[in-house]
Structures are given as C-alpha cells and as structure tokens.
C-alpha cells in the first residue's frame, strides 16, 4: 500500500534539505575559523537533517526488512 504524499510532507522534506545545507555551510565557515568541535556538531546536525529528509525511504527499508524477517521466520 503506497501512501500518497501531501503538499505538507513535500514542504517539510524540502525544509530538512534546506536546514542540512545551512548546517553544512555554517560548519564549513566554523572549520575555516578553527572551531573544529562546533563544526563537527553542525555537520552531525546536517546529517540528521538529511536522515529526516529521507524518513519515508528509511521507513520503507525498515518495513521491507521486517517483512523479509517474518517470511524467513515462517519458512523455518
């Protein structure tokens, strides 16, 4: 069963990507200033924003793995 994407979901996904870009550029400028710790934190936050943008694909992957595990379990 495929979920239909709503306009709100598309906007939120775009905002996750936008925030990831902002975090990356801020981290790059912090790294140039020599503040490696803060830059690392910003890159981590950017990475989690990218994961948020791919939240539906990650959920599909988890559901597929659970379904595969259940099929394998029922076979044995």
Protein backbone atom coordinates (compact mmCIF):
# COMPACT_ATOMS: atom_id res chain seq x y z
CA UNK A 1 0.00 0.00 0.00
CA UNK A 2 1.54 3.24 -1.16
CA UNK A 3 0.94 6.42 0.81
CA UNK A 4 0.09 9.48 -1.21
CA UNK A 5 2.42 12.37 -0.50
CA UNK A 6 0.73 15.51 0.64
CA UNK A 7 1.93 19.03 -0.06
CA UNK A 8 2.85 19.46 3.61
CA UNK A 9 5.12 16.42 3.54
CA UNK A 10 6.90 17.76 0.46
CA UNK A 11 7.44 21.16 2.11
CA UNK A 12 8.80 19.58 5.30
CA UNK A 13 11.18 17.39 3.28
CA UNK A 14 12.43 20.47 1.41
CA UNK A 15 12.97 22.26 4.72
CA UNK A 16 15.00 19.31 6.04
CA UNK A 17 17.24 19.56 2.98
CA UNK A 18 17.49 23.35 3.35
CA UNK A 19 18.50 23.07 7.00
CA UNK A 20 21.10 20.43 6.10
CA UNK A 21 22.61 22.82 3.58
CA UNK A 22 22.63 25.66 6.09
CA UNK A 23 24.32 23.44 8.67
CA UNK A 24 26.95 22.41 6.13
CA UNK A 25 27.81 25.97 5.16
CA UNK A 26 27.94 27.09 8.80
CA UNK A 27 30.18 24.12 9.65
CA UNK A 28 32.47 24.96 6.76
CA UNK A 29 32.88 28.55 7.94
CA UNK A 30 33.47 27.40 11.53
CA UNK A 31 36.14 24.97 10.32
CA UNK A 32 37.90 27.77 8.46
CA UNK A 33 37.89 29.79 11.71
CA UNK A 34 39.47 26.84 13.52
CA UNK A 35 36.49 25.78 15.65
CA UNK A 36 36.54 22.08 14.79
CA UNK A 37 34.27 20.97 17.65
CA UNK A 38 31.40 23.28 16.68
CA UNK A 39 31.91 22.44 13.01
CA UNK A 40 31.63 18.73 13.83
CA UNK A 41 28.40 19.36 15.71
CA UNK A 42 26.95 21.29 12.78
CA UNK A 43 27.90 18.51 10.38
CA UNK A 44 26.24 15.98 12.68
CA UNK A 45 23.09 18.13 12.77
CA UNK A 46 23.20 18.41 8.98
CA UNK A 47 23.50 14.64 8.70
CA UNK A 48 20.46 14.11 10.93
CA UNK A 49 18.56 16.65 8.80
CA UNK A 50 19.39 14.59 5.70
CA UNK A 51 18.12 11.50 7.51
CA UNK A 52 14.94 13.43 8.26
CA UNK A 53 14.56 14.23 4.58
CA UNK A 54 14.78 10.53 3.75
CA UNK A 55 12.46 9.47 6.57
CA UNK A 56 9.92 7.81 4.27
CA UNK A 57 12.59 5.83 2.40
CA UNK A 58 14.13 4.74 5.70
CA UNK A 59 10.70 3.61 6.94
CA UNK A 60 10.14 1.66 3.71
CA UNK A 61 13.50 -0.04 4.17
CA UNK A 62 12.68 -0.99 7.76
CA UNK A 63 9.25 -2.34 6.78
CA UNK A 64 10.89 -4.38 3.99
CA UNK A 65 13.45 -5.82 6.42
CA UNK A 66 10.73 -6.72 8.93
CA UNK A 67 8.66 -8.35 6.19
CA UNK A 68 11.71 -10.31 4.98
CA UNK A 69 12.49 -11.42 8.54
CA UNK A 70 8.89 -12.57 9.09
CA UNK A 71 8.86 -14.52 5.81
CA UNK A 72 12.15 -16.18 6.71
CA UNK A 73 10.85 -16.99 10.19
CA UNK A 74 7.65 -18.55 8.81
CA UNK A 75 9.64 -20.67 6.33
CA UNK A 76 11.66 -22.39 9.04
